[in-house]
Protein backbone atom coordinates (compact mmCIF):
# COMPACT_ATOMS: atom_id res chain seq x y z
CA MET A 1 -207.39 -70.61 210.44
CA GLU A 2 -203.53 -71.26 209.51
CA ARG A 3 -203.60 -67.75 207.87
CA ILE A 4 -206.13 -65.84 210.14
CA ILE A 5 -204.04 -66.28 213.20
CA PRO A 6 -200.78 -65.13 212.29
CA VAL A 7 -202.54 -62.36 210.65
CA CYS A 8 -204.62 -61.19 213.62
CA VAL A 9 -201.37 -61.94 215.71
CA ILE A 10 -198.99 -59.76 213.19
CA CYS A 11 -202.03 -56.89 213.28
CA ALA A 12 -202.11 -56.61 216.93
CA LEU A 13 -198.74 -56.65 218.01
CA VAL A 14 -197.50 -54.24 214.80
CA ALA A 15 -200.63 -51.87 216.32
CA TYR A 16 -199.58 -51.88 219.34
CA LEU A 17 -196.17 -51.01 218.98
CA ILE A 18 -196.28 -48.65 216.54
CA SER A 19 -199.08 -46.65 217.78
CA GLY A 20 -197.41 -46.71 221.21
CA LEU A 21 -194.83 -43.92 219.90
CA ASN A 22 -196.34 -40.56 220.80
CA PRO A 23 -195.98 -37.50 218.98
CA ALA A 24 -197.20 -35.16 222.10
CA ILE A 25 -194.56 -36.81 223.80
CA VAL A 26 -191.61 -36.80 220.79
CA LEU A 27 -192.79 -32.98 219.74
CA SER A 28 -192.58 -31.70 223.09
CA HIS A 29 -189.34 -33.25 223.68
CA LEU A 30 -188.08 -32.53 219.93
CA LEU A 31 -189.61 -28.37 219.51
CA TYR A 32 -189.33 -27.63 223.07
CA HIS A 33 -187.37 -29.45 225.09
CA GLU A 34 -189.80 -30.25 227.85
CA ASP A 35 -192.26 -33.04 228.34
CA ILE A 36 -195.92 -32.75 227.51
CA ARG A 37 -196.94 -35.07 230.57
CA GLN A 38 -195.77 -32.73 232.75
CA LYS A 39 -197.20 -29.87 231.47
CA GLY A 40 -200.63 -28.61 231.58
CA SER A 41 -203.65 -31.81 232.50
CA GLY A 42 -200.53 -34.40 231.82
CA ASN A 43 -202.60 -35.98 228.93
CA PRO A 44 -199.89 -36.55 225.75
CA GLY A 45 -202.50 -36.20 222.91
CA PHE A 46 -204.08 -33.12 220.88
CA THR A 47 -205.86 -31.14 223.54
CA ASN A 48 -203.51 -30.57 226.34
CA PHE A 49 -200.72 -29.78 223.78
CA ASN A 50 -202.85 -27.28 222.09
CA ARG A 51 -203.61 -26.13 225.45
CA VAL A 52 -200.05 -25.75 226.23
CA TYR A 53 -198.32 -25.04 223.40
CA GLY A 54 -201.27 -23.55 220.72
CA LYS A 55 -201.13 -23.95 217.08
CA THR A 56 -198.39 -26.80 216.89
CA ALA A 57 -200.85 -29.08 218.10
CA TRP A 58 -202.02 -29.60 214.90
CA LEU A 59 -199.01 -31.69 213.79
CA VAL A 60 -199.94 -33.89 216.52
CA PHE A 61 -203.40 -34.27 215.15
CA ILE A 62 -201.72 -35.05 211.57
CA LEU A 63 -199.21 -37.47 212.74
CA ASP A 64 -201.95 -39.08 215.38
CA VAL A 65 -204.32 -39.73 212.41
CA GLY A 66 -201.88 -40.44 210.08
CA LYS A 67 -200.40 -43.64 212.02
CA GLY A 68 -204.24 -44.53 212.80
CA VAL A 69 -204.50 -44.41 208.61
CA LEU A 70 -201.58 -46.33 207.99
CA LEU A 71 -201.92 -48.79 210.67
CA CYS A 72 -205.65 -49.94 210.24
CA LEU A 73 -205.14 -49.86 206.41
CA GLY A 74 -202.37 -51.88 206.45
CA GLY A 75 -203.98 -54.55 208.95
CA ALA A 76 -207.25 -54.35 207.00
CA ILE A 77 -205.26 -55.44 203.51
CA LEU A 78 -203.72 -57.81 205.32
CA PHE A 79 -206.80 -58.80 206.54
CA THR A 80 -208.33 -59.25 202.78
CA LYS A 81 -205.35 -61.11 201.69
CA ALA A 82 -206.39 -63.99 204.67
CA GLY A 83 -209.81 -64.16 203.22
CA LEU A 84 -211.29 -61.88 206.03
CA PRO A 85 -213.49 -58.68 205.62
CA PHE A 86 -211.89 -55.72 204.90
CA GLN A 87 -214.20 -53.54 207.34
CA LEU A 88 -212.95 -56.38 210.35
CA GLY A 89 -209.31 -56.15 209.91
CA ALA A 90 -209.94 -52.17 210.35
CA SER A 91 -211.74 -52.24 213.46
CA PHE A 92 -209.68 -54.86 214.87
CA THR A 93 -206.30 -53.35 214.20
CA GLY A 94 -207.41 -50.11 215.47
CA PHE A 95 -208.77 -51.53 218.76
CA PHE A 96 -204.59 -52.88 219.22
CA ALA A 97 -203.49 -49.42 217.97
CA MET A 98 -205.53 -47.94 220.76
CA LEU A 99 -204.43 -50.27 223.27
CA GLY A 100 -201.29 -48.61 222.08
CA HIS A 101 -202.14 -45.41 222.62
CA CYS A 102 -203.25 -45.41 225.48
CA TYR A 103 -201.13 -48.14 227.23
CA PRO A 104 -197.77 -47.90 225.60
CA VAL A 105 -194.60 -50.53 226.25
CA TRP A 106 -192.34 -47.48 225.36
CA TYR A 107 -194.07 -44.85 228.08
CA ARG A 108 -194.25 -47.38 231.25
CA PHE A 109 -197.74 -48.15 229.74
CA LYS A 110 -198.67 -44.43 230.36
CA GLY A 111 -200.74 -42.86 227.60
CA GLY A 112 -203.25 -40.92 225.36
CA LYS A 113 -206.72 -41.39 224.76
CA ALA A 114 -207.03 -42.50 221.32
CA PHE A 115 -209.42 -40.63 219.88
CA LEU A 116 -207.20 -39.12 216.97
CA VAL A 117 -206.55 -42.75 216.19
CA ALA A 118 -210.30 -44.39 216.44
CA VAL A 119 -210.56 -41.72 214.17
CA ALA A 120 -209.26 -43.63 211.38
CA ALA A 121 -210.42 -47.00 212.19
CA ILE A 122 -214.07 -45.51 212.26
CA PHE A 123 -213.57 -43.35 208.35
CA LEU A 124 -212.08 -46.90 207.56
CA MET A 125 -214.62 -49.10 208.72
CA ASP A 126 -217.53 -46.62 206.89
CA TRP A 127 -216.66 -43.53 206.09
CA ARG A 128 -220.72 -42.47 206.17
CA ILE A 129 -220.04 -43.56 209.99
CA GLY A 130 -216.87 -41.52 210.25
CA LEU A 131 -218.81 -38.11 208.68
CA ILE A 132 -221.40 -38.39 210.91
CA ALA A 133 -219.21 -38.87 213.85
CA ALA A 134 -216.91 -35.91 212.49
CA ALA A 135 -220.45 -33.89 212.57
CA VAL A 136 -221.35 -34.84 216.00
CA LEU A 137 -217.44 -33.71 216.91
CA CYS A 138 -217.76 -30.29 215.43
CA LEU A 139 -221.17 -29.90 216.70
CA ILE A 140 -220.30 -30.18 220.51
CA LEU A 141 -217.20 -28.61 219.90
CA PHE A 142 -218.48 -25.94 218.06
CA THR A 143 -221.44 -24.87 220.47
CA ILE A 144 -220.31 -26.53 223.98
CA ARG A 145 -216.80 -25.98 223.95
CA TYR A 146 -215.96 -29.21 225.69
CA MET A 147 -213.24 -31.45 223.73
CA SER A 148 -214.23 -34.18 225.72
CA LEU A 149 -217.53 -34.81 225.55
CA ALA A 150 -217.51 -33.93 221.71
CA THR A 151 -214.85 -37.10 221.16
CA MET A 152 -217.27 -40.00 223.59
CA LEU A 153 -220.50 -38.65 222.22
CA ALA A 154 -218.97 -38.93 218.83
CA ALA A 155 -217.24 -42.56 219.39
CA ALA A 156 -220.70 -43.42 221.38
CA ALA A 157 -222.87 -43.02 217.92
CA CYS A 158 -220.33 -45.09 215.65
CA PRO A 159 -221.75 -49.11 216.85
CA PRO A 160 -225.42 -47.90 216.48
CA LEU A 161 -224.63 -46.66 213.08
CA LEU A 162 -223.20 -49.81 212.15
CA LEU A 163 -226.12 -51.21 212.93
CA ILE A 164 -227.99 -49.15 210.61
CA PHE A 165 -225.49 -48.97 207.77
CA GLY A 166 -224.43 -52.92 208.28
CA TYR A 167 -221.51 -54.67 209.03
CA ALA A 168 -219.32 -57.24 207.56
CA SER A 169 -219.00 -59.50 210.32
CA ILE A 170 -220.94 -59.54 214.30
CA TRP A 171 -217.05 -58.96 215.28
CA VAL A 172 -216.81 -55.31 213.87
CA PRO A 173 -219.70 -53.79 216.06
CA VAL A 174 -218.14 -56.00 218.87
CA ILE A 175 -214.89 -54.58 218.71
CA CYS A 176 -216.31 -51.09 217.81
CA THR A 177 -218.21 -51.62 221.13
CA ALA A 178 -214.93 -52.41 222.57
CA SER A 179 -213.39 -49.35 221.50
CA VAL A 180 -215.96 -46.84 223.06
CA LEU A 181 -215.70 -48.23 225.95
CA LEU A 182 -212.08 -47.93 225.82
CA LEU A 183 -212.13 -44.37 225.16
CA ILE A 184 -214.30 -43.49 227.59
CA PHE A 185 -212.50 -45.17 230.41
CA ARG A 186 -209.55 -43.07 229.17
CA HIS A 187 -212.27 -40.32 229.42
CA LYS A 188 -212.95 -40.80 233.27
CA GLU A 189 -211.21 -37.68 234.77
CA ASN A 190 -212.43 -35.51 232.16
CA ILE A 191 -216.28 -37.01 233.52
CA LYS A 192 -215.71 -36.22 236.56
CA ARG A 193 -214.64 -32.53 235.93
CA LEU A 194 -218.14 -32.49 233.45
CA LEU A 195 -219.90 -33.57 236.49
CA LYS A 196 -217.91 -31.25 238.81
CA GLY A 197 -218.50 -28.74 236.07
CA SER A 198 -214.76 -27.69 235.96
CA GLU A 199 -213.75 -29.34 232.77
CA THR A 200 -211.41 -26.92 230.41
CA LYS A 201 -212.80 -25.56 227.38
CA PHE A 202 -211.13 -25.68 224.11
CA LYS A 203 -209.65 -22.62 223.09
CA PHE A 204 -209.45 -22.29 219.04
CA LYS A 205 -207.03 -19.87 219.32
């Protein structure tokens, strides 16, 4: 217990603070001398960046996923050093990385929706679940072309899949469910637009 609490605190704080550094905001300033939060839907994430600036949005994609991978992998390794499951470390660190991305202290607690950060945690928790979630996302995105719906359905598939493939600790599906609920909550405006039929479809070009 003496080692577990410090590891949890370190992982939570580091994940929250580093994940709060938003690539979409940084790149919109560096590349275009603008603020992505004042463009399009105002959301500082991949989809809005793609809608406003086009193909440079893939830099946002790479950086968001990259920071998620590094944070979740680092957290998972620290958890194993403390005698805890790797999978638990990835899910725990991933949740706080999502919180940092959604409510960053650096930007007055106004951030993105954290799906790309969640992707890293999903693959590190179980690569099989990650592949299935990715397949669900691609299926919805390439047919219906609503990124918001695709991300929510892909995320929602993860807790049931954990029950099928197994988990290292009861806290893993609990944290995974909390992460999914956070992601869905962050998409509440998208849900309203989907119900009204006014949601913008994703453009690949």
